[in-house]
Amino acid sequence: MSIWWSLHLRRDAASVPLARRLLLGTMETAGVDPDVCYDLSVALSEACANAVEHGGGAARGGCSEAYRVTAYLDGEKCRIEVADSGPGFAGGRTPRADRSAYGDTYAEHGRGLYLIQELADHVHIGNKPGRSGAVVSFDKILKWRKDAPLMAV
C-alpha cells in the first residue's frame, strides 16, 4: 500500500500546523507507530517553519509566497520533501547541521535542520537544481502498529 500527497501552501505560519496535521492523520489512519508519527511530524514542522521564515524571494510566476510539501508513505518508509522558492542556501552550499553550529543552547531559533537530521534516517538539504529555492527532503523507516489497517504485507 502506498499513499502520496502534495500540498502547495502559502508562506504563512498557519500553514505549518496544517501540513503537520495532514501528515499525522495520514500516518495514524494507516497504522504507523505513534513514536514514528511524532518524529516525522516534528521534522516536517521544522522544515515548513524554515520555508515560511526563509523561503521568500523574487521567484518567477508569482510563486514567491508559496512552498510545497510532498509526502510519500510506502510499506517500508516515509519520504517527505519541503521545497520553497526563496534564495536557497548561500553560495549553493548545504549548511552545517550539527549542534556546534547553533551556539546558544537556549536560543529559540537555529536548530531546525539539526532536529530534522536527528529525527529522520536519511536527510538531504540543498538548493533546487538550476533554480532558486531550497529543498529539504528526509525519510524514515516506518514501524507499524500491530493492528495497522494499511500495513504492507
N, C-alpha and C. Protein backbone atom coordinates (compact mmCIF):
# COMPACT_ATOMS: atom_id res chain seq x y z
N MET A 1 0.84 -1.18 0.00
CA MET A 1 0.00 0.00 0.00
C MET A 1 0.88 1.24 0.00
N SER A 2 0.59 2.15 -0.89
CA SER A 2 1.30 3.43 -0.97
C SER A 2 0.31 4.57 -0.83
N ILE A 3 0.75 5.62 -0.16
CA ILE A 3 -0.03 6.84 -0.03
C ILE A 3 0.88 7.99 -0.41
N TRP A 4 0.38 8.89 -1.25
CA TRP A 4 1.17 10.02 -1.72
C TRP A 4 0.29 11.25 -1.73
N TRP A 5 0.82 12.38 -1.27
CA TRP A 5 0.11 13.65 -1.39
C TRP A 5 1.10 14.79 -1.49
N SER A 6 0.61 15.89 -2.06
CA SER A 6 1.43 17.08 -2.22
C SER A 6 0.57 18.31 -1.94
N LEU A 7 1.13 19.26 -1.20
CA LEU A 7 0.44 20.50 -0.85
C LEU A 7 1.21 21.69 -1.38
N HIS A 8 0.49 22.67 -1.86
CA HIS A 8 1.07 23.95 -2.26
C HIS A 8 0.54 24.94 -1.22
N LEU A 9 1.41 25.43 -0.34
CA LEU A 9 0.99 26.23 0.81
C LEU A 9 1.53 27.66 0.75
N ARG A 10 0.74 28.58 1.27
CA ARG A 10 1.21 29.96 1.42
C ARG A 10 2.27 30.03 2.50
N ARG A 11 3.22 30.92 2.34
CA ARG A 11 4.25 31.14 3.36
C ARG A 11 3.64 31.92 4.51
N ASP A 12 2.90 31.21 5.31
CA ASP A 12 2.20 31.79 6.45
C ASP A 12 2.35 30.80 7.60
N ALA A 13 2.54 31.31 8.81
CA ALA A 13 2.74 30.43 9.97
C ALA A 13 1.58 29.45 10.15
N ALA A 14 0.37 29.82 9.75
CA ALA A 14 -0.79 28.93 9.90
C ALA A 14 -0.69 27.69 9.01
N SER A 15 0.16 27.71 7.99
CA SER A 15 0.30 26.55 7.12
C SER A 15 1.08 25.41 7.78
N VAL A 16 1.91 25.73 8.76
CA VAL A 16 2.75 24.71 9.39
C VAL A 16 1.91 23.66 10.12
N PRO A 17 0.99 24.06 11.02
CA PRO A 17 0.17 23.03 11.68
C PRO A 17 -0.76 22.31 10.70
N LEU A 18 -1.16 22.96 9.61
CA LEU A 18 -1.99 22.29 8.62
C LEU A 18 -1.23 21.10 8.00
N ALA A 19 0.00 21.35 7.57
CA ALA A 19 0.81 20.27 6.99
C ALA A 19 1.07 19.18 8.01
N ARG A 20 1.36 19.58 9.24
CA ARG A 20 1.64 18.61 10.31
C ARG A 20 0.42 17.73 10.58
N ARG A 21 -0.76 18.34 10.68
CA ARG A 21 -1.98 17.57 10.95
C ARG A 21 -2.31 16.60 9.83
N LEU A 22 -2.09 17.04 8.57
CA LEU A 22 -2.35 16.14 7.44
C LEU A 22 -1.42 14.93 7.49
N LEU A 23 -0.14 15.18 7.77
CA LEU A 23 0.81 14.07 7.88
C LEU A 23 0.43 13.13 9.03
N LEU A 24 0.16 13.71 10.20
CA LEU A 24 -0.22 12.88 11.35
C LEU A 24 -1.47 12.07 11.07
N GLY A 25 -2.48 12.71 10.49
CA GLY A 25 -3.72 12.00 10.18
C GLY A 25 -3.51 10.86 9.21
N THR A 26 -2.69 11.10 8.20
CA THR A 26 -2.39 10.06 7.22
C THR A 26 -1.70 8.87 7.88
N MET A 27 -0.66 9.16 8.67
CA MET A 27 0.10 8.08 9.29
C MET A 27 -0.71 7.34 10.35
N GLU A 28 -1.47 8.07 11.17
CA GLU A 28 -2.28 7.42 12.20
C GLU A 28 -3.35 6.54 11.58
N THR A 29 -3.99 7.01 10.51
CA THR A 29 -5.01 6.22 9.82
C THR A 29 -4.41 4.97 9.20
N ALA A 30 -3.21 5.10 8.66
CA ALA A 30 -2.53 3.95 8.05
C ALA A 30 -2.05 2.95 9.08
N GLY A 31 -1.85 3.40 10.33
CA GLY A 31 -1.40 2.49 11.38
C GLY A 31 0.07 2.57 11.71
N VAL A 32 0.70 3.69 11.40
CA VAL A 32 2.11 3.87 11.72
C VAL A 32 2.28 4.03 13.23
N ASP A 33 3.34 3.49 13.77
CA ASP A 33 3.66 3.57 15.19
C ASP A 33 3.66 5.03 15.64
N PRO A 34 3.04 5.34 16.81
CA PRO A 34 2.95 6.72 17.27
C PRO A 34 4.30 7.43 17.44
N ASP A 35 5.34 6.73 17.85
CA ASP A 35 6.65 7.37 18.01
C ASP A 35 7.21 7.84 16.66
N VAL A 36 7.03 7.03 15.63
CA VAL A 36 7.47 7.42 14.29
C VAL A 36 6.64 8.59 13.79
N CYS A 37 5.32 8.55 14.03
CA CYS A 37 4.45 9.67 13.65
C CYS A 37 4.94 10.96 14.27
N TYR A 38 5.26 10.91 15.55
CA TYR A 38 5.70 12.11 16.26
C TYR A 38 7.02 12.64 15.68
N ASP A 39 7.99 11.75 15.50
CA ASP A 39 9.30 12.17 14.96
C ASP A 39 9.14 12.85 13.61
N LEU A 40 8.38 12.23 12.71
CA LEU A 40 8.22 12.80 11.38
C LEU A 40 7.41 14.09 11.40
N SER A 41 6.44 14.20 12.29
CA SER A 41 5.65 15.43 12.35
C SER A 41 6.49 16.59 12.88
N VAL A 42 7.37 16.34 13.83
CA VAL A 42 8.26 17.40 14.32
C VAL A 42 9.23 17.81 13.22
N ALA A 43 9.81 16.83 12.53
CA ALA A 43 10.74 17.13 11.43
C ALA A 43 10.04 17.94 10.33
N LEU A 44 8.81 17.55 9.99
CA LEU A 44 8.06 18.30 8.98
C LEU A 44 7.78 19.72 9.46
N SER A 45 7.41 19.87 10.71
CA SER A 45 7.14 21.21 11.25
C SER A 45 8.37 22.10 11.14
N GLU A 46 9.53 21.55 11.44
CA GLU A 46 10.78 22.32 11.35
C GLU A 46 11.08 22.73 9.91
N ALA A 47 10.91 21.79 8.98
CA ALA A 47 11.17 22.10 7.57
C ALA A 47 10.19 23.15 7.05
N CYS A 48 8.92 23.04 7.42
CA CYS A 48 7.92 24.02 7.00
C CYS A 48 8.21 25.39 7.61
N ALA A 49 8.57 25.40 8.90
CA ALA A 49 8.88 26.67 9.55
C ALA A 49 10.05 27.36 8.86
N ASN A 50 11.05 26.60 8.43
CA ASN A 50 12.17 27.18 7.68
C ASN A 50 11.70 27.76 6.35
N ALA A 51 10.81 27.05 5.66
CA ALA A 51 10.30 27.55 4.38
C ALA A 51 9.50 28.83 4.58
N VAL A 52 8.71 28.89 5.64
CA VAL A 52 7.92 30.08 5.93
C VAL A 52 8.84 31.26 6.25
N GLU A 53 9.84 31.02 7.07
CA GLU A 53 10.72 32.11 7.51
C GLU A 53 11.71 32.56 6.44
N HIS A 54 12.30 31.60 5.73
CA HIS A 54 13.41 31.92 4.82
C HIS A 54 13.09 31.73 3.35
N GLY A 55 11.92 31.18 3.02
CA GLY A 55 11.65 30.75 1.64
C GLY A 55 11.06 31.78 0.72
N GLY A 56 11.12 33.05 1.06
CA GLY A 56 10.59 34.09 0.17
C GLY A 56 11.64 34.57 -0.78
N GLY A 57 11.19 35.26 -1.78
CA GLY A 57 12.13 35.82 -2.74
C GLY A 57 11.40 36.25 -3.98
N ALA A 58 12.13 36.71 -4.91
CA ALA A 58 11.54 37.20 -6.16
C ALA A 58 11.48 36.08 -7.17
N ALA A 59 10.67 35.08 -6.91
CA ALA A 59 10.54 33.96 -7.84
C ALA A 59 9.68 34.35 -9.03
N ARG A 60 9.92 33.71 -10.15
CA ARG A 60 9.12 33.95 -11.34
C ARG A 60 7.75 33.31 -11.19
N GLY A 61 6.75 33.90 -11.84
CA GLY A 61 5.43 33.31 -11.87
C GLY A 61 4.60 33.56 -10.62
N GLY A 62 4.99 34.47 -9.77
CA GLY A 62 4.19 34.80 -8.60
C GLY A 62 4.20 33.75 -7.51
N CYS A 63 5.18 32.89 -7.49
CA CYS A 63 5.21 31.80 -6.51
C CYS A 63 6.06 32.11 -5.29
N SER A 64 6.49 33.36 -5.15
CA SER A 64 7.40 33.68 -4.07
C SER A 64 6.75 33.56 -2.70
N GLU A 65 5.44 33.54 -2.64
CA GLU A 65 4.76 33.46 -1.35
C GLU A 65 4.23 32.06 -1.08
N ALA A 66 4.81 31.06 -1.70
CA ALA A 66 4.33 29.69 -1.52
C ALA A 66 5.51 28.73 -1.35
N TYR A 67 5.19 27.58 -0.78
CA TYR A 67 6.14 26.48 -0.72
C TYR A 67 5.37 25.18 -0.91
N ARG A 68 6.09 24.10 -1.17
CA ARG A 68 5.45 22.82 -1.48
C ARG A 68 5.92 21.76 -0.50
N VAL A 69 4.96 20.95 -0.05
CA VAL A 69 5.24 19.81 0.82
C VAL A 69 4.73 18.56 0.11
N THR A 70 5.58 17.56 -0.02
CA THR A 70 5.19 16.29 -0.62
C THR A 70 5.54 15.18 0.36
N ALA A 71 4.59 14.27 0.56
CA ALA A 71 4.82 13.12 1.45
C ALA A 71 4.46 11.84 0.71
N TYR A 72 5.26 10.81 0.93
CA TYR A 72 5.06 9.53 0.28
C TYR A 72 5.29 8.43 1.31
N LEU A 73 4.25 7.68 1.60
CA LEU A 73 4.36 6.53 2.50
C LEU A 73 4.28 5.27 1.66
N ASP A 74 5.26 4.42 1.81
CA ASP A 74 5.29 3.18 1.06
C ASP A 74 5.76 2.09 2.00
N GLY A 75 4.94 1.11 2.27
CA GLY A 75 5.22 0.00 3.15
C GLY A 75 6.36 0.11 4.13
N GLU A 76 7.56 0.40 3.65
CA GLU A 76 8.74 0.39 4.50
C GLU A 76 9.18 1.76 4.99
N LYS A 77 8.88 2.83 4.24
CA LYS A 77 9.40 4.12 4.65
C LYS A 77 8.45 5.25 4.28
N CYS A 78 8.73 6.39 4.89
CA CYS A 78 8.04 7.63 4.56
C CYS A 78 9.10 8.62 4.09
N ARG A 79 8.85 9.26 2.96
CA ARG A 79 9.74 10.29 2.44
C ARG A 79 8.96 11.59 2.38
N ILE A 80 9.58 12.65 2.87
CA ILE A 80 8.96 13.97 2.89
C ILE A 80 9.91 14.96 2.25
N GLU A 81 9.35 15.86 1.43
CA GLU A 81 10.15 16.91 0.81
C GLU A 81 9.44 18.24 0.99
N VAL A 82 10.20 19.24 1.40
CA VAL A 82 9.70 20.61 1.53
C VAL A 82 10.59 21.48 0.64
N ALA A 83 9.95 22.16 -0.33
CA ALA A 83 10.69 22.98 -1.29
C ALA A 83 10.10 24.39 -1.31
N ASP A 84 10.97 25.39 -1.28
CA ASP A 84 10.49 26.77 -1.32
C ASP A 84 11.07 27.48 -2.54
N SER A 85 10.67 28.72 -2.72
CA SER A 85 11.13 29.49 -3.87
C SER A 85 11.97 30.69 -3.45
N GLY A 86 12.61 30.57 -2.30
CA GLY A 86 13.45 31.64 -1.79
C GLY A 86 14.82 31.64 -2.43
N PRO A 87 15.75 32.32 -1.79
CA PRO A 87 17.09 32.44 -2.36
C PRO A 87 17.92 31.17 -2.27
N GLY A 88 17.47 30.20 -1.51
CA GLY A 88 18.25 28.98 -1.33
C GLY A 88 19.36 29.20 -0.32
N PHE A 89 20.22 28.24 -0.20
CA PHE A 89 21.34 28.32 0.74
C PHE A 89 22.48 29.09 0.10
N ALA A 90 23.11 29.93 0.86
CA ALA A 90 24.16 30.83 0.37
C ALA A 90 25.22 30.09 -0.42
N GLY A 91 25.50 30.60 -1.59
CA GLY A 91 26.54 30.02 -2.43
C GLY A 91 26.25 28.61 -2.88
N GLY A 92 24.99 28.16 -2.76
CA GLY A 92 24.62 26.81 -3.15
C GLY A 92 25.16 25.75 -2.22
N ARG A 93 25.71 26.18 -1.08
CA ARG A 93 26.32 25.24 -0.14
C ARG A 93 25.28 24.75 0.86
N THR A 94 25.35 23.48 1.18
CA THR A 94 24.50 22.91 2.20
C THR A 94 25.00 23.37 3.56
N PRO A 95 24.10 23.89 4.39
CA PRO A 95 24.54 24.37 5.71
C PRO A 95 24.95 23.22 6.61
N ARG A 96 25.83 23.52 7.55
CA ARG A 96 26.19 22.52 8.56
C ARG A 96 24.98 22.33 9.47
N ALA A 97 24.68 21.10 9.77
CA ALA A 97 23.55 20.82 10.64
C ALA A 97 24.02 19.98 11.82
N ASP A 98 24.93 20.55 12.59
CA ASP A 98 25.35 19.86 13.80
C ASP A 98 25.19 20.81 14.98
N ARG A 99 25.15 20.26 16.15
CA ARG A 99 24.88 21.03 17.36
C ARG A 99 25.87 22.18 17.54
N SER A 100 27.13 21.98 17.20
CA SER A 100 28.14 23.01 17.42
C SER A 100 27.90 24.25 16.57
N ALA A 101 27.15 24.13 15.50
CA ALA A 101 26.90 25.26 14.62
C ALA A 101 25.80 26.18 15.15
N TYR A 102 25.15 25.82 16.25
CA TYR A 102 23.98 26.56 16.68
C TYR A 102 24.17 27.38 17.94
N GLY A 103 25.37 27.51 18.44
CA GLY A 103 25.67 28.45 19.51
C GLY A 103 24.88 28.25 20.78
N ASP A 104 24.14 29.25 21.16
CA ASP A 104 23.44 29.32 22.44
C ASP A 104 22.46 28.15 22.62
N THR A 105 22.68 27.39 23.67
CA THR A 105 21.84 26.23 23.98
C THR A 105 20.38 26.61 24.19
N TYR A 106 20.12 27.82 24.65
CA TYR A 106 18.76 28.25 24.97
C TYR A 106 18.13 29.14 23.90
N ALA A 107 18.78 29.30 22.77
CA ALA A 107 18.23 30.12 21.70
C ALA A 107 16.94 29.52 21.17
N GLU A 108 16.04 30.38 20.72
CA GLU A 108 14.75 29.92 20.21
C GLU A 108 14.79 29.58 18.73
N HIS A 109 15.83 29.95 18.02
CA HIS A 109 15.93 29.71 16.59
C HIS A 109 17.24 29.03 16.26
N GLY A 110 17.29 28.39 15.08
CA GLY A 110 18.55 27.89 14.58
C GLY A 110 18.81 26.41 14.79
N ARG A 111 17.82 25.64 15.20
CA ARG A 111 18.05 24.21 15.41
C ARG A 111 17.25 23.31 14.47
N GLY A 112 16.48 23.89 13.58
CA GLY A 112 15.58 23.11 12.74
C GLY A 112 16.24 22.01 11.94
N LEU A 113 17.30 22.37 11.20
CA LEU A 113 17.97 21.36 10.37
C LEU A 113 18.62 20.29 11.22
N TYR A 114 19.17 20.69 12.35
CA TYR A 114 19.76 19.71 13.26
C TYR A 114 18.69 18.73 13.77
N LEU A 115 17.54 19.25 14.16
CA LEU A 115 16.45 18.38 14.64
C LEU A 115 16.00 17.41 13.55
N ILE A 116 15.86 17.91 12.34
CA ILE A 116 15.46 17.04 11.23
C ILE A 116 16.45 15.90 11.07
N GLN A 117 17.74 16.21 11.13
CA GLN A 117 18.74 15.16 10.97
C GLN A 117 18.71 14.16 12.12
N GLU A 118 18.37 14.61 13.31
CA GLU A 118 18.30 13.71 14.45
C GLU A 118 17.06 12.82 14.41
N LEU A 119 15.97 13.31 13.84
CA LEU A 119 14.69 12.59 13.86
C LEU A 119 14.48 11.68 12.65
N ALA A 120 15.16 11.94 11.55
CA ALA A 120 14.98 11.16 10.33
C ALA A 120 16.16 10.21 10.13
N ASP A 121 15.97 9.23 9.26
CA ASP A 121 17.04 8.27 8.98
C ASP A 121 17.99 8.76 7.89
N HIS A 122 17.48 9.48 6.92
CA HIS A 122 18.29 10.00 5.82
C HIS A 122 17.79 11.39 5.49
N VAL A 123 18.70 12.35 5.34
CA VAL A 123 18.32 13.73 5.09
C VAL A 123 19.15 14.29 3.94
N HIS A 124 18.49 15.04 3.05
CA HIS A 124 19.20 15.77 2.01
C HIS A 124 18.77 17.23 2.10
N ILE A 125 19.74 18.11 2.21
CA ILE A 125 19.49 19.54 2.32
C ILE A 125 20.26 20.23 1.21
N GLY A 126 19.58 21.01 0.40
CA GLY A 126 20.29 21.70 -0.68
C GLY A 126 19.40 22.67 -1.41
N ASN A 127 19.89 23.12 -2.55
CA ASN A 127 19.16 24.04 -3.40
C ASN A 127 18.53 23.30 -4.56
N LYS A 128 17.46 23.88 -5.10
CA LYS A 128 16.84 23.31 -6.29
C LYS A 128 17.84 23.40 -7.44
N PRO A 129 17.97 22.36 -8.22
CA PRO A 129 18.91 22.41 -9.34
C PRO A 129 18.48 23.44 -10.39
N GLY A 130 19.37 24.37 -10.71
CA GLY A 130 19.11 25.33 -11.77
C GLY A 130 18.09 26.40 -11.46
N ARG A 131 17.52 26.41 -10.27
CA ARG A 131 16.51 27.42 -9.91
C ARG A 131 16.79 27.91 -8.51
N SER A 132 16.12 29.01 -8.17
CA SER A 132 16.27 29.49 -6.80
C SER A 132 15.32 28.71 -5.90
N GLY A 133 15.73 28.53 -4.67
CA GLY A 133 14.90 27.84 -3.71
C GLY A 133 15.66 26.72 -3.03
N ALA A 134 15.25 26.45 -1.80
CA ALA A 134 15.86 25.38 -1.02
C ALA A 134 14.96 24.15 -1.03
N VAL A 135 15.58 23.00 -0.87
CA VAL A 135 14.85 21.74 -0.77
C VAL A 135 15.40 20.98 0.43
N VAL A 136 14.49 20.56 1.31
CA VAL A 136 14.85 19.70 2.43
C VAL A 136 14.03 18.44 2.26
N SER A 137 14.70 17.31 2.09
CA SER A 137 13.98 16.04 1.98
C SER A 137 14.55 15.08 3.02
N PHE A 138 13.67 14.27 3.56
CA PHE A 138 14.09 13.31 4.58
C PHE A 138 13.18 12.11 4.56
N ASP A 139 13.73 10.99 5.02
CA ASP A 139 12.90 9.80 5.11
C ASP A 139 13.20 9.05 6.40
N LYS A 140 12.27 8.17 6.72
CA LYS A 140 12.39 7.38 7.94
C LYS A 140 11.76 6.02 7.68
N ILE A 141 12.42 5.00 8.18
CA ILE A 141 11.86 3.65 8.12
C ILE A 141 10.64 3.60 9.03
N LEU A 142 9.56 3.06 8.52
CA LEU A 142 8.32 3.02 9.28
C LEU A 142 8.23 1.79 10.17
N LYS A 143 7.65 1.98 11.33
CA LYS A 143 7.25 0.89 12.21
C LYS A 143 5.73 0.95 12.23
N TRP A 144 5.10 -0.20 12.29
CA TRP A 144 3.65 -0.26 12.21
C TRP A 144 3.05 -0.78 13.52
N ARG A 145 1.87 -0.27 13.85
CA ARG A 145 1.12 -0.84 14.97
C ARG A 145 0.69 -2.24 14.57
N LYS A 146 0.47 -3.11 15.56
CA LYS A 146 0.05 -4.49 15.27
C LYS A 146 -1.30 -4.53 14.58
N ASP A 147 -2.17 -3.55 14.85
CA ASP A 147 -3.50 -3.52 14.25
C ASP A 147 -3.57 -2.60 13.03
N ALA A 148 -2.43 -2.31 12.40
CA ALA A 148 -2.37 -1.35 11.30
C ALA A 148 -3.24 -1.81 10.12
N PRO A 149 -4.22 -0.99 9.72
CA PRO A 149 -5.10 -1.39 8.64
C PRO A 149 -4.44 -1.36 7.26
N LEU A 150 -3.43 -0.49 7.07
CA LEU A 150 -2.83 -0.33 5.74
C LEU A 150 -1.40 -0.85 5.65
N MET A 151 -0.96 -1.60 6.65
CA MET A 151 0.42 -2.08 6.66
C MET A 151 0.66 -2.98 5.44
N ALA A 152 1.81 -2.80 4.84
CA ALA A 152 2.19 -3.62 3.70
C ALA A 152 2.40 -5.06 4.15
N VAL A 153 1.99 -5.98 3.32
CA VAL A 153 2.14 -7.40 3.65
C VAL A 153 3.47 -7.90 3.16
